[in-house]
Protein backbone atom coordinates (compact mmCIF):
# COMPACT_ATOMS: atom_id res chain seq x y z
CA MET A 1 -51.55 12.65 87.87
CA ASN A 2 -53.24 15.87 87.15
CA TYR A 3 -50.55 17.23 84.86
CA ASP A 4 -52.34 20.68 84.33
CA ALA A 5 -52.57 21.28 88.00
CA LEU A 6 -48.80 20.48 88.31
CA ARG A 7 -47.92 22.87 85.55
CA THR A 8 -50.13 25.57 87.13
CA LEU A 9 -48.37 25.23 90.48
CA LEU A 10 -44.91 25.02 88.99
CA ARG A 11 -45.43 28.08 86.91
CA LYS A 12 -46.66 29.99 90.10
CA HIS A 13 -43.75 28.77 92.25
CA GLU A 14 -40.95 28.90 89.87
CA GLY A 15 -42.00 31.91 87.76
CA TYR A 16 -41.25 32.55 84.11
CA ARG A 17 -37.96 34.06 82.79
CA GLU A 18 -36.95 34.54 79.33
CA LYS A 19 -33.33 35.29 80.28
CA VAL A 20 -30.80 33.50 82.37
CA TYR A 21 -30.93 34.31 86.09
CA THR A 22 -29.45 33.10 89.31
CA CYS A 23 -32.00 31.19 91.46
CA SER A 24 -32.12 31.20 95.31
CA ALA A 25 -29.79 28.15 95.22
CA GLY A 26 -27.20 30.01 93.22
CA LYS A 27 -27.76 28.00 89.99
CA GLN A 28 -28.08 29.53 86.58
CA THR A 29 -31.58 29.07 85.69
CA ILE A 30 -34.02 29.79 82.72
CA GLY A 31 -37.58 29.44 81.67
CA ILE A 32 -39.72 27.96 84.27
CA GLY A 33 -37.12 26.86 86.78
CA HIS A 34 -34.88 24.98 84.42
CA ASN A 35 -31.47 24.59 86.25
CA LEU A 36 -28.88 25.26 83.52
CA THR A 37 -25.98 24.76 85.84
CA ASP A 38 -26.64 21.15 86.63
CA LEU A 39 -28.80 20.10 83.67
CA GLY A 40 -27.75 22.11 80.73
CA LEU A 41 -30.26 22.11 77.75
CA ASP A 42 -31.77 19.12 76.06
CA PRO A 43 -30.46 18.65 72.40
CA ASP A 44 -34.19 18.89 71.17
CA VAL A 45 -34.36 22.28 72.85
CA ILE A 46 -31.05 23.34 71.43
CA GLU A 47 -32.11 22.39 67.84
CA LEU A 48 -35.57 24.10 68.26
CA GLN A 49 -33.94 27.34 69.26
CA PHE A 50 -31.39 26.99 66.57
CA ALA A 51 -34.12 26.63 63.92
CA HIS A 52 -35.89 29.67 65.31
CA ASP A 53 -32.65 31.70 65.35
CA ILE A 54 -31.99 30.74 61.74
CA ALA A 55 -35.58 31.80 60.68
CA SER A 56 -34.94 35.12 62.44
CA SER A 57 -31.75 35.62 60.57
CA ILE A 58 -33.36 35.03 57.23
CA GLN A 59 -36.12 37.54 58.17
CA THR A 60 -33.48 39.98 58.90
CA CYS A 61 -31.91 39.52 55.52
CA GLU A 62 -35.33 39.75 53.77
CA VAL A 63 -35.79 43.36 55.33
CA ILE A 64 -32.19 44.56 54.79
CA PHE A 65 -31.65 43.28 51.27
CA GLY A 66 -34.34 44.41 48.81
CA ASN A 67 -33.19 41.77 46.30
CA TRP A 68 -32.99 38.83 48.75
CA ASN A 69 -35.12 36.42 46.70
CA GLU A 70 -32.95 37.03 43.56
CA LEU A 71 -29.70 36.48 45.26
CA PRO A 72 -27.57 33.40 44.55
CA GLU A 73 -28.06 30.63 47.04
CA MET A 74 -24.54 30.90 48.57
CA VAL A 75 -24.87 34.61 48.86
CA GLN A 76 -28.02 34.16 50.95
CA VAL A 77 -26.21 31.64 53.03
CA VAL A 78 -23.30 33.99 53.67
CA LEU A 79 -25.57 36.91 54.55
CA ALA A 80 -27.85 34.77 56.81
CA ASN A 81 -24.74 33.54 58.65
CA MET A 82 -23.67 37.14 59.18
CA ALA A 83 -27.13 38.20 60.35
CA PHE A 84 -27.14 35.18 62.64
CA ASN A 85 -23.85 36.54 64.22
CA LEU A 86 -24.51 40.18 64.00
CA GLY A 87 -28.33 40.76 64.28
CA PHE A 88 -30.35 43.28 62.42
CA HIS A 89 -28.84 46.47 63.98
CA ARG A 90 -25.24 45.63 63.36
CA LEU A 91 -25.65 43.95 59.91
CA SER A 92 -27.63 47.01 58.69
CA LYS A 93 -24.55 49.22 59.28
CA PHE A 94 -22.56 47.49 56.54
CA LYS A 95 -23.83 50.12 53.95
CA LYS A 96 -21.13 49.61 51.35
CA MET A 97 -21.49 45.89 51.46
CA ILE A 98 -25.31 46.11 51.23
CA LYS A 99 -25.01 48.48 48.23
CA ALA A 100 -22.61 46.04 46.56
CA ILE A 101 -25.01 43.13 47.14
CA GLU A 102 -27.85 45.03 45.67
CA SER A 103 -25.72 45.74 42.67
CA ASN A 104 -24.77 42.04 42.42
CA ASN A 105 -21.10 43.03 42.87
CA TYR A 106 -20.10 40.11 45.11
CA GLN A 107 -16.27 40.78 44.90
CA THR A 108 -16.84 44.30 46.27
CA ALA A 109 -19.11 42.99 48.93
CA ALA A 110 -16.51 40.47 49.89
CA ILE A 111 -13.91 43.22 50.32
CA GLU A 112 -16.32 45.41 52.35
CA MET A 113 -17.09 42.37 54.66
CA LEU A 114 -13.29 42.23 55.56
CA ASP A 115 -13.00 46.04 55.94
CA SER A 116 -14.93 45.99 59.37
CA ARG A 117 -14.43 45.60 63.07
CA TRP A 118 -16.66 42.40 62.75
CA ALA A 119 -13.95 40.78 60.60
CA ASN A 120 -11.32 41.47 63.17
CA GLN A 121 -13.50 40.15 65.86
CA VAL A 122 -14.47 36.87 64.19
CA GLY A 123 -11.27 36.18 62.18
CA ASP A 124 -11.44 32.98 60.24
CA ARG A 125 -15.22 33.17 60.05
CA ALA A 126 -14.99 36.35 58.19
CA ASN A 127 -12.23 35.11 55.93
CA GLU A 128 -14.19 32.04 54.92
CA LEU A 129 -17.56 33.91 54.33
CA SER A 130 -15.73 36.56 52.39
CA GLU A 131 -14.01 34.06 50.13
CA ILE A 132 -17.43 32.38 49.53
CA MET A 133 -18.90 35.78 48.63
CA GLY A 134 -16.08 36.76 46.46
CA ASN A 135 -16.42 33.50 44.36
CA GLN A 136 -20.06 34.08 43.40
CA LYS A 137 -21.03 35.13 39.97
């Protein structure tokens, strides 16, 4: 089997899409003709994407929080969790929380986390993360 020739022809015939689309057979598809509707995703692919998304979340935090490397480990965990959920743009709007974090005032940061539309949207997640943040020294 000429694997390279097969790959080349499949790329040509299937195309390449970074976002989900509906193929000519009406199936939700992604990448190079991968049928999500019938096949879903392989667990290894899910874990690889998850690791990539976590790394992106940490990079977001490194940009937003000037003192990222000095923050307590669990503060980093909470903030990376928020970055994962919110993305750079939305997390960067938490101005009062960011200021509290940069002042090492984790109790105020916890309060500011809950004083947001995000907290209303995610409910228990916000409560749990706020509690972890507020318990930091």
